[in-house]
Amino acid sequence: MRIASELRHRISSGGFRPGDQLPTLPALAEQFGVSETTIRNALAMLRNEGLIETRARAGTRVRQTPPVHRMAANRYRNKPGAPSTPYTRDQGIGWSEYRLDKRFERVQATAELAALFECEVGERLLARHFVFFDNDNPTQMSTSYVRWSDVEGTDVADPIHEPWPGGTRAQMASLGIRVARVTESFTCAMPTEQEAKTLRIGSGVPVIRLTRRHVADNGRIVEVAHPIVRRGDTTVVDFDIKLDD
């Protein structure tokens, strides 16, 4: 822990900069007067925190520090201009910098999903599994569910049309469904093994999980994203709360 703390301080203070290669195991062991096993344990702590990465034949290097991204309260509002989605606006990237990995499957509503949709258990849904990339960096993953009765036989049910400019709200509009509001709830936890692998983060980096619901103007819930997952150390969620005098 002492060695990890000192190396962590060197990284945060700029002694080791992003991309720099750390000294070899023998060199660090000699420097600190400990065994290579102790050095490996110290480096494992920093690796789990996402501060360093080790690659075959490339040694151990300081990871590039990912930028902080703000999730604004108004990101679901329609925006004129070039194609965009709430994700691209959160990331501050253009359409050409945006890549989306996707996988669609038909499922039935579990008790948990039925409660979120306010529907019957077993209702047919379309599950859309997404991994969102800012250029080549995966920064968000989600599973978004829509009602099969709403999308069957439409472009919304075909993954070839993803990413869809305007996001889910625009998709619903193409079906004649007007989304009146969006609800979100947040939790924070340590990542699962799959989340850490997909987002390329250390197991010691917390994640934010969001549950989002698109609600039509008649009060019917037409989409549930459960969960949306982002790394927690570089995500800021902004709220703009207007109060009556």
Foldseek 3Di string as FASTA:
>chain_A
DVVLVVVVVCDVVVVADFPRADDDLVVVCVVVVHHSVVVVVSVLVCQLQQQWDQDPPPHIGGHHDDAFWEQEPCLLDDDDDAFDESVCVRVVDHPVQKDKDKDKDKDFADPVRCVVQVHDGGQIKIWMWIFIGRNNATFKTWIKIFGCVQDPPHPVRPCVCPPPGSHPQVVCVVSVFHFDDKDKDKDKDFDDPVVCVSRVGRSNFMKIWMWMWTATPVRGTGMIIGTMIGGDVRYHYDDDDDDDD
